[in-house]
PDB file of N, CA and C in Angstrom:
ATOM      1  N   MET A   1      26.039  20.853  -2.375  1.00  0.00           N
ATOM      2  CA  MET A   1      25.061  19.814  -2.226  1.00  0.00           C
ATOM      3  C   MET A   1      23.860  20.405  -1.475  1.00  0.00           C
ATOM      4  N   SER A   2      22.665  20.182  -2.001  1.00  0.00           N
ATOM      5  CA  SER A   2      21.467  20.758  -1.389  1.00  0.00           C
ATOM      6  C   SER A   2      21.079  19.965  -0.135  1.00  0.00           C
ATOM      7  N   PRO A   3      20.283  20.572   0.722  1.00  0.00           N
ATOM      8  CA  PRO A   3      19.857  19.859   1.945  1.00  0.00           C
ATOM      9  C   PRO A   3      19.075  18.583   1.627  1.00  0.00           C
ATOM     10  N   GLN A   4      18.321  18.596   0.532  1.00  0.00           N
ATOM     11  CA  GLN A   4      17.554  17.406   0.147  1.00  0.00           C
ATOM     12  C   GLN A   4      18.503  16.256  -0.204  1.00  0.00           C
ATOM     13  N   HIS A   5      19.563  16.554  -0.958  1.00  0.00           N
ATOM     14  CA  HIS A   5      20.524  15.520  -1.338  1.00  0.00           C
ATOM     15  C   HIS A   5      21.291  15.008  -0.118  1.00  0.00           C
ATOM     16  N   ARG A   6      21.572  15.904   0.837  1.00  0.00           N
ATOM     17  CA  ARG A   6      22.266  15.480   2.050  1.00  0.00           C
ATOM     18  C   ARG A   6      21.415  14.502   2.848  1.00  0.00           C
ATOM     19  N   ARG A   7      20.098  14.787   2.928  1.00  0.00           N
ATOM     20  CA  ARG A   7      19.200  13.893   3.662  1.00  0.00           C
ATOM     21  C   ARG A   7      19.133  12.529   2.994  1.00  0.00           C
ATOM     22  N   ILE A   8      19.053  12.520   1.670  1.00  0.00           N
ATOM     23  CA  ILE A   8      18.955  11.254   0.946  1.00  0.00           C
ATOM     24  C   ILE A   8      20.239  10.448   1.100  1.00  0.00           C
ATOM     25  N   SER A   9      21.385  11.116   0.979  1.00  0.00           N
ATOM     26  CA  SER A   9      22.644  10.388   1.097  1.00  0.00           C
ATOM     27  C   SER A   9      22.870   9.894   2.525  1.00  0.00           C
ATOM     28  N   SER A  10      22.457  10.671   3.527  1.00  0.00           N
ATOM     29  CA  SER A  10      22.618  10.194   4.901  1.00  0.00           C
ATOM     30  C   SER A  10      21.663   9.041   5.188  1.00  0.00           C
ATOM     31  N   LEU A  11      20.468   9.072   4.602  1.00  0.00           N
ATOM     32  CA  LEU A  11      19.534   7.965   4.750  1.00  0.00           C
ATOM     33  C   LEU A  11      20.082   6.701   4.092  1.00  0.00           C
ATOM     34  N   ALA A  12      20.666   6.847   2.914  1.00  0.00           N
ATOM     35  CA  ALA A  12      21.244   5.694   2.224  1.00  0.00           C
ATOM     36  C   ALA A  12      22.415   5.123   3.024  1.00  0.00           C
ATOM     37  N   ALA A  13      23.239   5.991   3.584  1.00  0.00           N
ATOM     38  CA  ALA A  13      24.366   5.512   4.392  1.00  0.00           C
ATOM     39  C   ALA A  13      23.870   4.791   5.644  1.00  0.00           C
ATOM     40  N   THR A  14      22.799   5.273   6.232  1.00  0.00           N
ATOM     41  CA  THR A  14      22.232   4.630   7.413  1.00  0.00           C
ATOM     42  C   THR A  14      21.705   3.237   7.077  1.00  0.00           C
ATOM     43  N   VAL A  15      21.034   3.116   5.934  1.00  0.00           N
ATOM     44  CA  VAL A  15      20.499   1.819   5.524  1.00  0.00           C
ATOM     45  C   VAL A  15      21.626   0.830   5.276  1.00  0.00           C
ATOM     46  N   VAL A  16      22.672   1.268   4.585  1.00  0.00           N
ATOM     47  CA  VAL A  16      23.811   0.389   4.302  1.00  0.00           C
ATOM     48  C   VAL A  16      24.479  -0.035   5.603  1.00  0.00           C
ATOM     49  N   LEU A  17      24.646   0.884   6.527  1.00  0.00           N
ATOM     50  CA  LEU A  17      25.261   0.564   7.814  1.00  0.00           C
ATOM     51  C   LEU A  17      24.399  -0.405   8.615  1.00  0.00           C
ATOM     52  N   ALA A  18      23.090  -0.205   8.597  1.00  0.00           N
ATOM     53  CA  ALA A  18      22.192  -1.099   9.327  1.00  0.00           C
ATOM     54  C   ALA A  18      22.233  -2.504   8.747  1.00  0.00           C
ATOM     55  N   CYS A  19      22.302  -2.608   7.432  1.00  0.00           N
ATOM     56  CA  CYS A  19      22.400  -3.929   6.805  1.00  0.00           C
ATOM     57  C   CYS A  19      23.726  -4.604   7.146  1.00  0.00           C
ATOM     58  N   ALA A  20      24.774  -3.837   7.191  1.00  0.00           N
ATOM     59  CA  ALA A  20      26.082  -4.409   7.501  1.00  0.00           C
ATOM     60  C   ALA A  20      26.152  -4.864   8.953  1.00  0.00           C
ATOM     61  N   VAL A  21      25.509  -4.150   9.850  1.00  0.00           N
ATOM     62  CA  VAL A  21      25.528  -4.512  11.254  1.00  0.00           C
ATOM     63  C   VAL A  21      24.590  -5.683  11.520  1.00  0.00           C
ATOM     64  N   ALA A  22      23.450  -5.726  10.839  1.00  0.00           N
ATOM     65  CA  ALA A  22      22.448  -6.760  11.094  1.00  0.00           C
ATOM     66  C   ALA A  22      22.853  -8.109  10.510  1.00  0.00           C
ATOM     67  N   GLN A  23      23.656  -8.141   9.495  1.00  0.00           N
ATOM     68  CA  GLN A  23      24.020  -9.394   8.846  1.00  0.00           C
ATOM     69  C   GLN A  23      24.748 -10.361   9.772  1.00  0.00           C
ATOM     70  N   PRO A  24      25.766  -9.931  10.540  1.00  0.00           N
ATOM     71  CA  PRO A  24      26.445 -10.888  11.411  1.00  0.00           C
ATOM     72  C   PRO A  24      25.552 -11.431  12.522  1.00  0.00           C
ATOM     73  N   ALA A  25      24.481 -10.737  12.873  1.00  0.00           N
ATOM     74  CA  ALA A  25      23.605 -11.218  13.936  1.00  0.00           C
ATOM     75  C   ALA A  25      22.914 -12.512  13.532  1.00  0.00           C
ATOM     76  N   PHE A  26      22.677 -12.735  12.239  1.00  0.00           N
ATOM     77  CA  PHE A  26      22.013 -13.944  11.783  1.00  0.00           C
ATOM     78  C   PHE A  26      23.004 -15.049  11.439  1.00  0.00           C
ATOM     79  N   ALA A  27      24.276 -14.752  11.473  1.00  0.00           N
ATOM     80  CA  ALA A  27      25.284 -15.741  11.130  1.00  0.00           C
ATOM     81  C   ALA A  27      25.521 -16.726  12.277  1.00  0.00           C
ATOM     82  N   ASP A  28      24.906 -16.515  13.431  1.00  0.00           N
ATOM     83  CA  ASP A  28      25.127 -17.405  14.558  1.00  0.00           C
ATOM     84  C   ASP A  28      24.280 -18.669  14.499  1.00  0.00           C
ATOM     85  N   GLY A  29      23.554 -18.871  13.416  1.00  0.00           N
ATOM     86  CA  GLY A  29      22.778 -20.090  13.254  1.00  0.00           C
ATOM     87  C   GLY A  29      21.339 -19.960  13.697  1.00  0.00           C
ATOM     88  N   THR A  30      20.877 -18.758  13.973  1.00  0.00           N
ATOM     89  CA  THR A  30      19.491 -18.551  14.367  1.00  0.00           C
ATOM     90  C   THR A  30      18.590 -18.873  13.184  1.00  0.00           C
ATOM     91  N   ASP A  31      17.604 -19.731  13.411  1.00  0.00           N
ATOM     92  CA  ASP A  31      16.674 -20.122  12.358  1.00  0.00           C
ATOM     93  C   ASP A  31      15.492 -19.170  12.393  1.00  0.00           C
ATOM     94  N   LEU A  32      15.353 -18.328  11.371  1.00  0.00           N
ATOM     95  CA  LEU A  32      14.308 -17.317  11.345  1.00  0.00           C
ATOM     96  C   LEU A  32      13.060 -17.766  10.596  1.00  0.00           C
ATOM     97  N   ARG A  33      13.002 -19.040  10.242  1.00  0.00           N
ATOM     98  CA  ARG A  33      11.822 -19.532   9.534  1.00  0.00           C
ATOM     99  C   ARG A  33      10.674 -19.732  10.511  1.00  0.00           C
ATOM    100  N   SER A  34       9.455 -19.793   9.977  1.00  0.00           N
ATOM    101  CA  SER A  34       8.289 -20.042  10.827  1.00  0.00           C
ATOM    102  C   SER A  34       8.333 -21.482  11.316  1.00  0.00           C
ATOM    103  N   PRO A  35       7.619 -21.790  12.403  1.00  0.00           N
ATOM    104  CA  PRO A  35       7.619 -23.169  12.905  1.00  0.00           C
ATOM    105  C   PRO A  35       7.112 -24.176  11.871  1.00  0.00           C
ATOM    106  N   ASP A  36       6.128 -23.788  11.065  1.00  0.00           N
ATOM    107  CA  ASP A  36       5.644 -24.695  10.025  1.00  0.00           C
ATOM    108  C   ASP A  36       6.734 -24.995   9.005  1.00  0.00           C
ATOM    109  N   SER A  37       7.493 -23.979   8.632  1.00  0.00           N
ATOM    110  CA  SER A  37       8.568 -24.195   7.656  1.00  0.00           C
ATOM    111  C   SER A  37       9.663 -25.077   8.234  1.00  0.00           C
ATOM    112  N   ARG A  38       9.987 -24.885   9.515  1.00  0.00           N
ATOM    113  CA  ARG A  38      11.008 -25.737  10.138  1.00  0.00           C
ATOM    114  C   ARG A  38      10.543 -27.187  10.200  1.00  0.00           C
ATOM    115  N   ASP A  39       9.254 -27.403  10.573  1.00  0.00           N
ATOM    116  CA  ASP A  39       8.725 -28.767  10.628  1.00  0.00           C
ATOM    117  C   ASP A  39       8.700 -29.403   9.249  1.00  0.00           C
ATOM    118  N   ALA A  40       8.311 -28.650   8.259  1.00  0.00           N
ATOM    119  CA  ALA A  40       8.246 -29.195   6.903  1.00  0.00           C
ATOM    120  C   ALA A  40       9.642 -29.547   6.402  1.00  0.00           C
ATOM    121  N   HIS A  41      10.625 -28.759   6.778  1.00  0.00           N
ATOM    122  CA  HIS A  41      11.989 -29.032   6.339  1.00  0.00           C
ATOM    123  C   HIS A  41      12.517 -30.325   6.969  1.00  0.00           C
ATOM    124  N   ARG A  42      12.114 -30.608   8.209  1.00  0.00           N
ATOM    125  CA  ARG A  42      12.550 -31.841   8.861  1.00  0.00           C
ATOM    126  C   ARG A  42      11.923 -33.073   8.241  1.00  0.00           C
ATOM    127  N   PHE A  43      10.681 -32.936   7.748  1.00  0.00           N
ATOM    128  CA  PHE A  43       9.956 -34.096   7.246  1.00  0.00           C
ATOM    129  C   PHE A  43       9.950 -34.198   5.730  1.00  0.00           C
ATOM    130  N   VAL A  44      10.784 -33.450   5.046  1.00  0.00           N
ATOM    131  CA  VAL A  44      10.820 -33.509   3.590  1.00  0.00           C
ATOM    132  C   VAL A  44      11.393 -34.851   3.161  1.00  0.00           C
ATOM    133  N   VAL A  45      10.671 -35.518   2.276  1.00  0.00           N
ATOM    134  CA  VAL A  45      11.141 -36.790   1.738  1.00  0.00           C
ATOM    135  C   VAL A  45      11.619 -36.524   0.326  1.00  0.00           C
ATOM    136  N   VAL A  46      12.880 -36.786   0.088  1.00  0.00           N
ATOM    137  CA  VAL A  46      13.442 -36.550  -1.231  1.00  0.00           C
ATOM    138  C   VAL A  46      13.392 -37.855  -2.015  1.00  0.00           C
ATOM    139  N   ALA A  47      12.722 -37.796  -3.152  1.00  0.00           N
ATOM    140  CA  ALA A  47      12.605 -38.971  -4.005  1.00  0.00           C
ATOM    141  C   ALA A  47      13.938 -39.228  -4.695  1.00  0.00           C
ATOM    142  N   PRO A  48      14.139 -40.438  -5.226  1.00  0.00           N
ATOM    143  CA  PRO A  48      15.396 -40.731  -5.905  1.00  0.00           C
ATOM    144  C   PRO A  48      15.680 -39.784  -7.073  1.00  0.00           C
ATOM    145  N   SER A  49      14.643 -39.178  -7.649  1.00  0.00           N
ATOM    146  CA  SER A  49      14.880 -38.274  -8.774  1.00  0.00           C
ATOM    147  C   SER A  49      15.192 -36.860  -8.292  1.00  0.00           C
ATOM    148  N   SER A  50      15.513 -36.708  -7.016  1.00  0.00           N
ATOM    149  CA  SER A  50      15.859 -35.421  -6.405  1.00  0.00           C
ATOM    150  C   SER A  50      14.712 -34.419  -6.472  1.00  0.00           C
ATOM    151  N   ALA A  51      13.484 -34.885  -6.398  1.00  0.00           N
ATOM    152  CA  ALA A  51      12.325 -33.981  -6.376  1.00  0.00           C
ATOM    153  C   ALA A  51      12.134 -33.467  -4.954  1.00  0.00           C
ATOM    154  N   VAL A  52      11.898 -32.191  -4.808  1.00  0.00           N
ATOM    155  CA  VAL A  52      11.698 -31.567  -3.516  1.00  0.00           C
ATOM    156  C   VAL A  52      10.224 -31.204  -3.387  1.00  0.00           C
ATOM    157  N   ASP A  53       9.656 -31.445  -2.234  1.00  0.00           N
ATOM    158  CA  ASP A  53       8.257 -31.119  -1.985  1.00  0.00           C
ATOM    159  C   ASP A  53       8.122 -29.608  -1.853  1.00  0.00           C
ATOM    160  N   LEU A  54       7.495 -28.968  -2.830  1.00  0.00           N
ATOM    161  CA  LEU A  54       7.385 -27.520  -2.845  1.00  0.00           C
ATOM    162  C   LEU A  54       6.045 -27.031  -2.304  1.00  0.00           C
ATOM    163  N   ARG A  55       5.267 -27.936  -1.747  1.00  0.00           N
ATOM    164  CA  ARG A  55       3.984 -27.528  -1.197  1.00  0.00           C
ATOM    165  C   ARG A  55       4.184 -26.774   0.107  1.00  0.00           C
ATOM    166  N   SER A  56       3.142 -26.025   0.510  1.00  0.00           N
ATOM    167  CA  SER A  56       3.229 -25.331   1.787  1.00  0.00           C
ATOM    168  C   SER A  56       3.232 -26.360   2.914  1.00  0.00           C
ATOM    169  N   PRO A  57       3.751 -26.004   4.079  1.00  0.00           N
ATOM    170  CA  PRO A  57       3.807 -26.965   5.183  1.00  0.00           C
ATOM    171  C   PRO A  57       2.429 -27.500   5.573  1.00  0.00           C
ATOM    172  N   ASP A  58       1.409 -26.660   5.564  1.00  0.00           N
ATOM    173  CA  ASP A  58       0.072 -27.126   5.931  1.00  0.00           C
ATOM    174  C   ASP A  58      -0.460 -28.128   4.921  1.00  0.00           C
ATOM    175  N   THR A  59      -0.213 -27.881   3.632  1.00  0.00           N
ATOM    176  CA  THR A  59      -0.667 -28.809   2.609  1.00  0.00           C
ATOM    177  C   THR A  59       0.079 -30.130   2.707  1.00  0.00           C
ATOM    178  N   ALA A  60       1.374 -30.082   2.978  1.00  0.00           N
ATOM    179  CA  ALA A  60       2.148 -31.315   3.113  1.00  0.00           C
ATOM    180  C   ALA A  60       1.676 -32.106   4.331  1.00  0.00           C
ATOM    181  N   ASP A  61       1.366 -31.427   5.441  1.00  0.00           N
ATOM    182  CA  ASP A  61       0.852 -32.112   6.618  1.00  0.00           C
ATOM    183  C   ASP A  61      -0.488 -32.774   6.327  1.00  0.00           C
ATOM    184  N   LEU A  62      -1.355 -32.078   5.599  1.00  0.00           N
ATOM    185  CA  LEU A  62      -2.662 -32.624   5.277  1.00  0.00           C
ATOM    186  C   LEU A  62      -2.540 -33.832   4.359  1.00  0.00           C
ATOM    187  N   ALA A  63      -1.632 -33.779   3.400  1.00  0.00           N
ATOM    188  CA  ALA A  63      -1.452 -34.889   2.468  1.00  0.00           C
ATOM    189  C   ALA A  63      -0.848 -36.109   3.153  1.00  0.00           C
ATOM    190  N   SER A  64       0.011 -35.889   4.122  1.00  0.00           N
ATOM    191  CA  SER A  64       0.650 -37.020   4.797  1.00  0.00           C
ATOM    192  C   SER A  64      -0.204 -37.588   5.917  1.00  0.00           C
ATOM    193  N   GLY A  65      -1.271 -36.910   6.287  1.00  0.00           N
ATOM    194  CA  GLY A  65      -2.142 -37.409   7.336  1.00  0.00           C
ATOM    195  C   GLY A  65      -1.784 -36.894   8.708  1.00  0.00           C
ATOM    196  N   ARG A  66      -0.718 -36.120   8.845  1.00  0.00           N
ATOM    197  CA  ARG A  66      -0.348 -35.551  10.132  1.00  0.00           C
ATOM    198  C   ARG A  66      -1.221 -34.334  10.401  1.00  0.00           C
ATOM    199  N   GLY A  67      -1.693 -34.220  11.600  1.00  0.00           N
ATOM    200  CA  GLY A  67      -2.423 -33.024  11.993  1.00  0.00           C
ATOM    201  C   GLY A  67      -3.846 -32.956  11.472  1.00  0.00           C
ATOM    202  N   THR A  68      -4.406 -34.098  11.054  1.00  0.00           N
ATOM    203  CA  THR A  68      -5.784 -34.070  10.579  1.00  0.00           C
ATOM    204  C   THR A  68      -6.706 -34.527  11.690  1.00  0.00           C
ATOM    205  N   ASP A  69      -7.870 -33.977  11.701  1.00  0.00           N
ATOM    206  CA  ASP A  69      -8.866 -34.327  12.698  1.00  0.00           C
ATOM    207  C   ASP A  69     -10.091 -34.829  11.947  1.00  0.00           C
ATOM    208  N   ASN A  70     -10.462 -36.080  12.157  1.00  0.00           N
ATOM    209  CA  ASN A  70     -11.539 -36.683  11.386  1.00  0.00           C
ATOM    210  C   ASN A  70     -12.888 -36.585  12.064  1.00  0.00           C
ATOM    211  N   ARG A  71     -13.015 -35.751  13.082  1.00  0.00           N
ATOM    212  CA  ARG A  71     -14.318 -35.586  13.726  1.00  0.00           C
ATOM    213  C   ARG A  71     -15.240 -34.783  12.828  1.00  0.00           C
ATOM    214  N   PRO A  72     -16.531 -35.123  12.805  1.00  0.00           N
ATOM    215  CA  PRO A  72     -17.458 -34.368  11.962  1.00  0.00           C
ATOM    216  C   PRO A  72     -17.677 -32.956  12.502  1.00  0.00           C
ATOM    217  N   VAL A  73     -17.887 -32.033  11.605  1.00  0.00           N
ATOM    218  CA  VAL A  73     -18.149 -30.643  11.969  1.00  0.00           C
ATOM    219  C   VAL A  73     -19.658 -30.460  12.066  1.00  0.00           C
ATOM    220  N   VAL A  74     -20.115 -29.982  13.196  1.00  0.00           N
ATOM    221  CA  VAL A  74     -21.545 -29.786  13.420  1.00  0.00           C
ATOM    222  C   VAL A  74     -21.846 -28.297  13.365  1.00  0.00           C
ATOM    223  N   THR A  75     -22.774 -27.923  12.498  1.00  0.00           N
ATOM    224  CA  THR A  75     -23.215 -26.533  12.430  1.00  0.00           C
ATOM    225  C   THR A  75     -24.691 -26.491  12.791  1.00  0.00           C
ATOM    226  N   ILE A  76     -25.049 -25.506  13.572  1.00  0.00           N
ATOM    227  CA  ILE A  76     -26.432 -25.353  14.005  1.00  0.00           C
ATOM    228  C   ILE A  76     -27.006 -24.144  13.295  1.00  0.00           C
ATOM    229  N   ALA A  77     -28.062 -24.372  12.536  1.00  0.00           N
ATOM    230  CA  ALA A  77     -28.715 -23.292  11.807  1.00  0.00           C
ATOM    231  C   ALA A  77     -30.039 -22.986  12.472  1.00  0.00           C
ATOM    232  N   SER A  78     -30.246 -21.735  12.829  1.00  0.00           N
ATOM    233  CA  SER A  78     -31.514 -21.342  13.437  1.00  0.00           C
ATOM    234  C   SER A  78     -32.394 -20.708  12.367  1.00  0.00           C
ATOM    235  N   PRO A  79     -33.698 -20.914  12.445  1.00  0.00           N
ATOM    236  CA  PRO A  79     -34.582 -20.333  11.432  1.00  0.00           C
ATOM    237  C   PRO A  79     -34.622 -18.809  11.533  1.00  0.00           C
ATOM    238  N   GLN A  80     -34.707 -18.155  10.405  1.00  0.00           N
ATOM    239  CA  GLN A  80     -34.741 -16.696  10.346  1.00  0.00           C
ATOM    240  C   GLN A  80     -36.191 -16.232  10.258  1.00  0.00           C
ATOM    241  N   GLY A  81     -36.895 -16.252  11.363  1.00  0.00           N
ATOM    242  CA  GLY A  81     -38.291 -15.871  11.342  1.00  0.00           C
ATOM    243  C   GLY A  81     -38.541 -14.519  11.977  1.00  0.00           C
ATOM    244  N   GLY A  82     -37.528 -13.883  12.551  1.00  0.00           N
ATOM    245  CA  GLY A  82     -37.719 -12.626  13.270  1.00  0.00           C
ATOM    246  C   GLY A  82     -37.448 -11.416  12.405  1.00  0.00           C
ATOM    247  N   PHE A  83     -37.571 -10.259  13.049  1.00  0.00           N
ATOM    248  CA  PHE A  83     -37.331  -8.988  12.373  1.00  0.00           C
ATOM    249  C   PHE A  83     -35.831  -8.736  12.318  1.00  0.00           C
ATOM    250  N   ASP A  84     -35.325  -8.365  11.155  1.00  0.00           N
ATOM    251  CA  ASP A  84     -33.896  -8.129  10.984  1.00  0.00           C
ATOM    252  C   ASP A  84     -33.617  -6.634  11.129  1.00  0.00           C
ATOM    253  N   TRP A  85     -33.046  -6.257  12.267  1.00  0.00           N
ATOM    254  CA  TRP A  85     -32.788  -4.847  12.535  1.00  0.00           C
ATOM    255  C   TRP A  85     -31.684  -4.287  11.645  1.00  0.00           C
ATOM    256  N   GLY A  86     -30.773  -5.128  11.213  1.00  0.00           N
ATOM    257  CA  GLY A  86     -29.711  -4.661  10.323  1.00  0.00           C
ATOM    258  C   GLY A  86     -30.268  -4.198   8.987  1.00  0.00           C
ATOM    259  N   ASP A  87     -31.177  -4.985   8.413  1.00  0.00           N
ATOM    260  CA  ASP A  87     -31.794  -4.591   7.144  1.00  0.00           C
ATOM    261  C   ASP A  87     -32.658  -3.350   7.326  1.00  0.00           C
ATOM    262  N   ALA A  88     -33.339  -3.235   8.466  1.00  0.00           N
ATOM    263  CA  ALA A  88     -34.168  -2.057   8.721  1.00  0.00           C
ATOM    264  C   ALA A  88     -33.301  -0.801   8.809  1.00  0.00           C
ATOM    265  N   GLY A  89     -32.158  -0.921   9.447  1.00  0.00           N
ATOM    266  CA  GLY A  89     -31.249   0.227   9.542  1.00  0.00           C
ATOM    267  C   GLY A  89     -30.711   0.644   8.188  1.00  0.00           C
ATOM    268  N   ILE A  90     -30.391  -0.331   7.341  1.00  0.00           N
ATOM    269  CA  ILE A  90     -29.909  -0.017   5.994  1.00  0.00           C
ATOM    270  C   ILE A  90     -31.004   0.682   5.194  1.00  0.00           C
ATOM    271  N   GLY A  91     -32.230   0.195   5.315  1.00  0.00           N
ATOM    272  CA  GLY A  91     -33.346   0.826   4.607  1.00  0.00           C
ATOM    273  C   GLY A  91     -33.605   2.236   5.091  1.00  0.00           C
ATOM    274  N   ALA A  92     -33.554   2.448   6.413  1.00  0.00           N
ATOM    275  CA  ALA A  92     -33.776   3.785   6.965  1.00  0.00           C
ATOM    276  C   ALA A  92     -32.667   4.743   6.533  1.00  0.00           C
ATOM    277  N   GLY A  93     -31.440   4.269   6.518  1.00  0.00           N
ATOM    278  CA  GLY A  93     -30.327   5.117   6.067  1.00  0.00           C
ATOM    279  C   GLY A  93     -30.457   5.479   4.602  1.00  0.00           C
ATOM    280  N   GLY A  94     -30.883   4.527   3.768  1.00  0.00           N
ATOM    281  CA  GLY A  94     -31.087   4.812   2.352  1.00  0.00           C
ATOM    282  C   GLY A  94     -32.209   5.806   2.132  1.00  0.00           C
ATOM    283  N   ALA A  95     -33.308   5.657   2.890  1.00  0.00           N
ATOM    284  CA  ALA A  95     -34.432   6.599   2.758  1.00  0.00           C
ATOM    285  C   ALA A  95     -34.021   7.994   3.199  1.00  0.00           C
ATOM    286  N   LEU A  96     -33.270   8.093   4.287  1.00  0.00           N
ATOM    287  CA  LEU A  96     -32.809   9.396   4.764  1.00  0.00           C
ATOM    288  C   LEU A  96     -31.883  10.061   3.748  1.00  0.00           C
ATOM    289  N   SER A  97     -31.000   9.278   3.135  1.00  0.00           N
ATOM    290  CA  SER A  97     -30.094   9.862   2.138  1.00  0.00           C
ATOM    291  C   SER A  97     -30.868  10.333   0.910  1.00  0.00           C
ATOM    292  N   LEU A  98     -31.911   9.610   0.512  1.00  0.00           N
ATOM    293  CA  LEU A  98     -32.724  10.061  -0.626  1.00  0.00           C
ATOM    294  C   LEU A  98     -33.485  11.339  -0.300  1.00  0.00           C
ATOM    295  N   VAL A  99     -34.006  11.444   0.914  1.00  0.00           N
ATOM    296  CA  VAL A  99     -34.713  12.661   1.317  1.00  0.00           C
ATOM    297  C   VAL A  99     -33.762  13.846   1.342  1.00  0.00           C
ATOM    298  N   LEU A 100     -32.577  13.662   1.894  1.00  0.00           N
ATOM    299  CA  LEU A 100     -31.600  14.757   1.935  1.00  0.00           C
ATOM    300  C   LEU A 100     -31.128  15.138   0.538  1.00  0.00           C
ATOM    301  N   LEU A 101     -30.963  14.165  -0.325  1.00  0.00           N
ATOM    302  CA  LEU A 101     -30.574  14.456  -1.701  1.00  0.00           C
ATOM    303  C   LEU A 101     -31.663  15.238  -2.416  1.00  0.00           C
ATOM    304  N   GLY A 102     -32.904  14.842  -2.232  1.00  0.00           N
ATOM    305  CA  GLY A 102     -34.016  15.581  -2.840  1.00  0.00           C
ATOM    306  C   GLY A 102     -34.122  16.986  -2.301  1.00  0.00           C
ATOM    307  N   LEU A 103     -33.944  17.166  -0.998  1.00  0.00           N
ATOM    308  CA  LEU A 103     -33.982  18.499  -0.404  1.00  0.00           C
ATOM    309  C   LEU A 103     -32.858  19.375  -0.948  1.00  0.00           C
ATOM    310  N   GLY A 104     -31.692  18.801  -1.131  1.00  0.00           N
ATOM    311  CA  GLY A 104     -30.579  19.570  -1.698  1.00  0.00           C
ATOM    312  C   GLY A 104     -30.842  19.997  -3.130  1.00  0.00           C
ATOM    313  N   VAL A 105     -31.464  19.112  -3.918  1.00  0.00           N
ATOM    314  CA  VAL A 105     -31.784  19.459  -5.302  1.00  0.00           C
ATOM    315  C   VAL A 105     -32.819  20.576  -5.332  1.00  0.00           C
ATOM    316  N   VAL A 106     -33.818  20.504  -4.471  1.00  0.00           N
ATOM    317  CA  VAL A 106     -34.851  21.549  -4.429  1.00  0.00           C
ATOM    318  C   VAL A 106     -34.240  22.879  -4.027  1.00  0.00           C
ATOM    319  N   LEU A 107     -33.373  22.883  -3.036  1.00  0.00           N
ATOM    320  CA  LEU A 107     -32.748  24.136  -2.601  1.00  0.00           C
ATOM    321  C   LEU A 107     -31.816  24.710  -3.658  1.00  0.00           C
ATOM    322  N   MET A 108     -31.167  23.860  -4.437  1.00  0.00           N
ATOM    323  CA  MET A 108     -30.265  24.361  -5.472  1.00  0.00           C
ATOM    324  C   MET A 108     -31.023  24.917  -6.670  1.00  0.00           C
ATOM    325  N   THR A 109     -32.169  24.349  -6.966  1.00  0.00           N
ATOM    326  CA  THR A 109     -32.891  24.779  -8.166  1.00  0.00           C
ATOM    327  C   THR A 109     -33.874  25.906  -7.892  1.00  0.00           C
ATOM    328  N   SER A 110     -34.223  26.159  -6.636  1.00  0.00           N
ATOM    329  CA  SER A 110     -35.143  27.271  -6.366  1.00  0.00           C
ATOM    330  C   SER A 110     -34.373  28.578  -6.427  1.00  0.00           C
ATOM    331  N   HIS A 111     -34.965  29.546  -7.120  1.00  0.00           N
ATOM    332  CA  HIS A 111     -34.301  30.849  -7.292  1.00  0.00           C
ATOM    333  C   HIS A 111     -35.065  31.878  -6.473  1.00  0.00           C
ATOM    334  N   ARG A 112     -34.471  32.324  -5.439  1.00  0.00           N
ATOM    335  CA  ARG A 112     -35.061  33.382  -4.631  1.00  0.00           C
ATOM    336  C   ARG A 112     -34.159  34.590  -4.722  1.00  0.00           C
ATOM    337  N   ARG A 113     -34.760  35.708  -4.845  1.00  0.00           N
ATOM    338  CA  ARG A 113     -33.978  36.940  -4.853  1.00  0.00           C
ATOM    339  C   ARG A 113     -34.035  37.529  -3.455  1.00  0.00           C
ATOM    340  N   ARG A 114     -32.943  37.486  -2.815  1.00  0.00           N
ATOM    341  CA  ARG A 114     -32.880  38.022  -1.464  1.00  0.00           C
ATOM    342  C   ARG A 114     -32.095  39.327  -1.489  1.00  0.00           C
ATOM    343  N   GLY A 115     -32.564  40.267  -0.745  1.00  0.00           N
ATOM    344  CA  GLY A 115     -31.842  41.526  -0.622  1.00  0.00           C
ATOM    345  C   GLY A 115     -32.146  42.515  -1.743  1.00  0.00           C
ATOM    346  N   VAL A 116     -32.874  42.128  -2.737  1.00  0.00           N
ATOM    347  CA  VAL A 116     -33.209  43.057  -3.816  1.00  0.00           C
ATOM    348  C   VAL A 116     -34.657  43.488  -3.608  1.00  0.00           C
ATOM    349  N   LYS A 117     -34.856  44.760  -3.302  1.00  0.00           N
ATOM    350  CA  LYS A 117     -36.196  45.265  -3.048  1.00  0.00           C
ATOM    351  C   LYS A 117     -36.634  46.106  -4.247  1.00  0.00           C
ATOM    352  N   PRO A 118     -37.900  46.004  -4.625  1.00  0.00           N
ATOM    353  CA  PRO A 118     -38.367  46.850  -5.733  1.00  0.00           C
ATOM    354  C   PRO A 118     -38.410  48.317  -5.302  1.00  0.00           C
ATOM    355  N   PRO A 119     -38.204  49.198  -6.253  1.00  0.00           N
ATOM    356  CA  PRO A 119     -38.222  50.651  -5.888  1.00  0.00           C
ATOM    357  C   PRO A 119     -39.624  51.070  -5.433  1.00  0.00           C
ATOM    358  N   ARG A 120     -39.676  51.987  -4.475  1.00  0.00           N
ATOM    359  CA  ARG A 120     -40.958  52.470  -3.972  1.00  0.00           C
ATOM    360  C   ARG A 120     -41.424  53.659  -4.805  1.00  0.00           C
ATOM    361  N   ALA A 121     -42.716  53.683  -4.927  1.00  0.00           N
ATOM    362  CA  ALA A 121     -43.293  54.850  -5.639  1.00  0.00           C
ATOM    363  C   ALA A 121     -43.322  56.015  -4.686  1.00  0.00           C
ATOM    364  N   VAL A 122     -42.885  57.160  -5.166  1.00  0.00           N
ATOM    365  CA  VAL A 122     -42.830  58.353  -4.339  1.00  0.00           C
ATOM    366  C   VAL A 122     -44.140  59.119  -4.569  1.00  0.00           C
ATOM    367  N   ALA A 123     -44.846  59.434  -3.518  1.00  0.00           N
ATOM    368  CA  ALA A 123     -46.113  60.184  -3.633  1.00  0.00           C
ATOM    369  C   ALA A 123     -45.825  61.667  -3.526  1.00  0.00           C
ATOM    370  N   HIS A 124     -46.399  62.451  -4.515  1.00  0.00           N
ATOM    371  CA  HIS A 124     -46.177  63.907  -4.491  1.00  0.00           C
ATOM    372  C   HIS A 124     -47.429  64.610  -4.142  1.00  0.00           C
TER     373      HIS A 124
END
């Protein structure tokens, strides 16, 4: 058996053991549901046709009138008459990226011969 297979089989055995050990811990009656789910389960009304309310707890609370607040929501809107520094920063960043992109294109397309010197004429 290769070391890779040994690691996989030991990992699988660990997972199985952890599941076997963890299962009895929940058998003591601990309710692991969220508080909304527990509340919704207490207030479920079963119709004579055995219909179960399958809505989320928040939706069921809203439909039944529990937990609603009928106060009006007030929003204050201020006029946008000033200079927007966020837009200015975005514009400056875009301009800088265009300048750098143009500079890179110019440097890539310019052909300079460096290190190659023309032969000198020898005077006799």
